[in-house]
Amino acid sequence: MEEYKDAHWRSLFKALSWRILATASTILIVYTFTHKLVLSLEVGAVEVVVKLILYYVHERAWLSVPLGSKIHPLSSLPVKDAIKEEDMEKIKIKLKELGYLDEI
């Protein structure tokens, strides 16, 4: 089994959803201070691109920081294929027998 990591598309989706909310708030803040709609939209347009890229890089960089994350004890096993559901049940039963699982 491999250590769990977010897929790139998941990080991208999270970045996009956050940017929609954050950019809307930036546009609103700029408009509140300037009362200029065009300027507010221009700032929002630049901000969305720059901060989307920065967020994605930041999110991916944090995947390499071990702070607060745990490595699964089975992640070092060289599994070559995805585990089938029926095999997963056998593994769960064996782990319970060995005392690693309380319940299945």
C-alpha atoms as a PDB file:
ATOM      1  CA  MET A   1       0.000   0.000   0.000  1.00  0.00           C
ATOM      2  CA  GLU A   2       1.145   3.518  -0.747  1.00  0.00           C
ATOM      3  CA  GLU A   3       1.081   6.316   1.750  1.00  0.00           C
ATOM      4  CA  TYR A   4      -2.092   8.381   1.263  1.00  0.00           C
ATOM      5  CA  LYS A   5      -1.589  11.621  -0.635  1.00  0.00           C
ATOM      6  CA  ASP A   6      -4.071  13.990  -2.238  1.00  0.00           C
ATOM      7  CA  ALA A   7      -4.258  13.712  -6.003  1.00  0.00           C
ATOM      8  CA  HIS A   8      -3.181  16.761  -7.986  1.00  0.00           C
ATOM      9  CA  TRP A   9      -6.751  17.257  -9.264  1.00  0.00           C
ATOM     10  CA  ARG A  10      -8.056  17.372  -5.674  1.00  0.00           C
ATOM     11  CA  SER A  11      -5.573  20.106  -4.754  1.00  0.00           C
ATOM     12  CA  LEU A  12      -6.554  21.999  -7.899  1.00  0.00           C
ATOM     13  CA  PHE A  13     -10.282  21.693  -7.127  1.00  0.00           C
ATOM     14  CA  LYS A  14      -9.735  22.914  -3.563  1.00  0.00           C
ATOM     15  CA  ALA A  15      -7.698  25.841  -4.879  1.00  0.00           C
ATOM     16  CA  LEU A  16     -10.426  26.792  -7.369  1.00  0.00           C
ATOM     17  CA  SER A  17     -13.262  26.642  -4.846  1.00  0.00           C
ATOM     18  CA  TRP A  18     -11.302  28.735  -2.364  1.00  0.00           C
ATOM     19  CA  ARG A  19     -10.320  31.283  -5.017  1.00  0.00           C
ATOM     20  CA  ILE A  20     -13.963  31.916  -5.933  1.00  0.00           C
ATOM     21  CA  LEU A  21     -14.767  32.857  -2.347  1.00  0.00           C
ATOM     22  CA  ALA A  22     -11.521  34.753  -1.717  1.00  0.00           C
ATOM     23  CA  THR A  23     -11.673  36.723  -4.978  1.00  0.00           C
ATOM     24  CA  ALA A  24     -15.282  37.724  -4.365  1.00  0.00           C
ATOM     25  CA  SER A  25     -14.258  39.070  -0.968  1.00  0.00           C
ATOM     26  CA  THR A  26     -11.283  40.952  -2.479  1.00  0.00           C
ATOM     27  CA  ILE A  27     -13.532  42.575  -5.084  1.00  0.00           C
ATOM     28  CA  LEU A  28     -15.972  43.574  -2.351  1.00  0.00           C
ATOM     29  CA  ILE A  29     -13.209  45.035  -0.156  1.00  0.00           C
ATOM     30  CA  VAL A  30     -11.665  47.049  -3.018  1.00  0.00           C
ATOM     31  CA  TYR A  31     -15.120  48.327  -4.021  1.00  0.00           C
ATOM     32  CA  THR A  32     -15.894  49.286  -0.405  1.00  0.00           C
ATOM     33  CA  PHE A  33     -12.756  51.434  -0.234  1.00  0.00           C
ATOM     34  CA  THR A  34     -12.767  52.899  -3.763  1.00  0.00           C
ATOM     35  CA  HIS A  35     -16.408  52.729  -4.964  1.00  0.00           C
ATOM     36  CA  LYS A  36     -14.921  51.890  -8.390  1.00  0.00           C
ATOM     37  CA  LEU A  37     -16.409  48.741  -9.861  1.00  0.00           C
ATOM     38  CA  VAL A  38     -14.004  48.433 -12.808  1.00  0.00           C
ATOM     39  CA  LEU A  39     -10.943  48.805 -10.561  1.00  0.00           C
ATOM     40  CA  SER A  40     -12.401  46.246  -8.141  1.00  0.00           C
ATOM     41  CA  LEU A  41     -12.927  43.725 -10.950  1.00  0.00           C
ATOM     42  CA  GLU A  42      -9.433  44.355 -12.363  1.00  0.00           C
ATOM     43  CA  VAL A  43      -7.824  43.780  -8.972  1.00  0.00           C
ATOM     44  CA  GLY A  44      -9.942  40.646  -8.577  1.00  0.00           C
ATOM     45  CA  ALA A  45      -8.861  39.351 -12.003  1.00  0.00           C
ATOM     46  CA  VAL A  46      -5.149  39.756 -11.245  1.00  0.00           C
ATOM     47  CA  GLU A  47      -5.524  38.450  -7.704  1.00  0.00           C
ATOM     48  CA  VAL A  48      -7.363  35.282  -8.749  1.00  0.00           C
ATOM     49  CA  VAL A  49      -4.610  34.155 -11.117  1.00  0.00           C
ATOM     50  CA  VAL A  50      -1.674  34.982  -8.849  1.00  0.00           C
ATOM     51  CA  LYS A  51      -3.190  33.552  -5.685  1.00  0.00           C
ATOM     52  CA  LEU A  52      -4.513  30.429  -7.426  1.00  0.00           C
ATOM     53  CA  ILE A  53      -0.969  29.550  -8.466  1.00  0.00           C
ATOM     54  CA  LEU A  54       0.451  30.403  -5.038  1.00  0.00           C
ATOM     55  CA  TYR A  55      -2.185  28.328  -3.243  1.00  0.00           C
ATOM     56  CA  TYR A  56      -1.607  25.277  -5.433  1.00  0.00           C
ATOM     57  CA  VAL A  57       2.173  25.433  -4.894  1.00  0.00           C
ATOM     58  CA  HIS A  58       1.639  25.962  -1.151  1.00  0.00           C
ATOM     59  CA  GLU A  59      -0.761  23.001  -0.911  1.00  0.00           C
ATOM     60  CA  ARG A  60       1.592  20.671  -2.784  1.00  0.00           C
ATOM     61  CA  ALA A  61       4.583  21.811  -0.720  1.00  0.00           C
ATOM     62  CA  TRP A  62       2.758  20.980   2.507  1.00  0.00           C
ATOM     63  CA  LEU A  63       2.358  17.379   1.326  1.00  0.00           C
ATOM     64  CA  SER A  64       6.112  16.976   1.787  1.00  0.00           C
ATOM     65  CA  VAL A  65       6.085  18.391   5.340  1.00  0.00           C
ATOM     66  CA  PRO A  66       5.723  15.538   7.845  1.00  0.00           C
ATOM     67  CA  LEU A  67       4.530  17.838  10.662  1.00  0.00           C
ATOM     68  CA  GLY A  68       1.368  16.322  12.129  1.00  0.00           C
ATOM     69  CA  SER A  69       1.043  13.492   9.606  1.00  0.00           C
ATOM     70  CA  LYS A  70       1.467   9.803  10.244  1.00  0.00           C
ATOM     71  CA  ILE A  71       3.018   7.224   7.946  1.00  0.00           C
ATOM     72  CA  HIS A  72       0.947   4.074   7.664  1.00  0.00           C
ATOM     73  CA  PRO A  73       2.925   1.091   8.996  1.00  0.00           C
ATOM     74  CA  LEU A  74       2.076  -0.973   5.894  1.00  0.00           C
ATOM     75  CA  SER A  75       3.086   1.735   3.408  1.00  0.00           C
ATOM     76  CA  SER A  76       6.547   0.210   2.975  1.00  0.00           C
ATOM     77  CA  LEU A  77       5.159  -3.079   1.600  1.00  0.00           C
ATOM     78  CA  PRO A  78       5.816  -3.383  -2.145  1.00  0.00           C
ATOM     79  CA  VAL A  79       2.210  -3.955  -3.303  1.00  0.00           C
ATOM     80  CA  LYS A  80       2.188  -4.165  -7.111  1.00  0.00           C
ATOM     81  CA  ASP A  81      -1.575  -4.061  -7.813  1.00  0.00           C
ATOM     82  CA  ALA A  82      -4.692  -2.608  -6.226  1.00  0.00           C
ATOM     83  CA  ILE A  83      -6.064  -4.875  -3.505  1.00  0.00           C
ATOM     84  CA  LYS A  84      -9.327  -6.579  -4.453  1.00  0.00           C
ATOM     85  CA  GLU A  85     -12.303  -6.159  -2.128  1.00  0.00           C
ATOM     86  CA  GLU A  86     -12.437  -9.890  -1.275  1.00  0.00           C
ATOM     87  CA  ASP A  87      -8.725  -9.829  -0.438  1.00  0.00           C
ATOM     88  CA  MET A  88      -9.226  -6.709   1.685  1.00  0.00           C
ATOM     89  CA  GLU A  89     -11.738  -8.636   3.795  1.00  0.00           C
ATOM     90  CA  LYS A  90      -9.187 -11.442   4.312  1.00  0.00           C
ATOM     91  CA  ILE A  91      -6.572  -8.874   5.318  1.00  0.00           C
ATOM     92  CA  LYS A  92      -8.969  -7.262   7.806  1.00  0.00           C
ATOM     93  CA  ILE A  93      -9.751 -10.653   9.354  1.00  0.00           C
ATOM     94  CA  LYS A  94      -6.049 -11.495   9.669  1.00  0.00           C
ATOM     95  CA  LEU A  95      -5.251  -8.088  11.212  1.00  0.00           C
ATOM     96  CA  LYS A  96      -8.061  -8.642  13.725  1.00  0.00           C
ATOM     97  CA  GLU A  97      -6.674 -12.093  14.554  1.00  0.00           C
ATOM     98  CA  LEU A  98      -3.231 -10.568  15.102  1.00  0.00           C
ATOM     99  CA  GLY A  99      -4.693  -7.922  17.417  1.00  0.00           C
ATOM    100  CA  TYR A 100      -4.211  -4.889  15.164  1.00  0.00           C
ATOM    101  CA  LEU A 101      -7.962  -4.231  14.692  1.00  0.00           C
ATOM    102  CA  ASP A 102     -10.645  -4.072  17.372  1.00  0.00           C
ATOM    103  CA  GLU A 103     -13.515  -4.566  14.975  1.00  0.00           C
ATOM    104  CA  ILE A 104     -14.064  -5.154  11.288  1.00  0.00           C
END
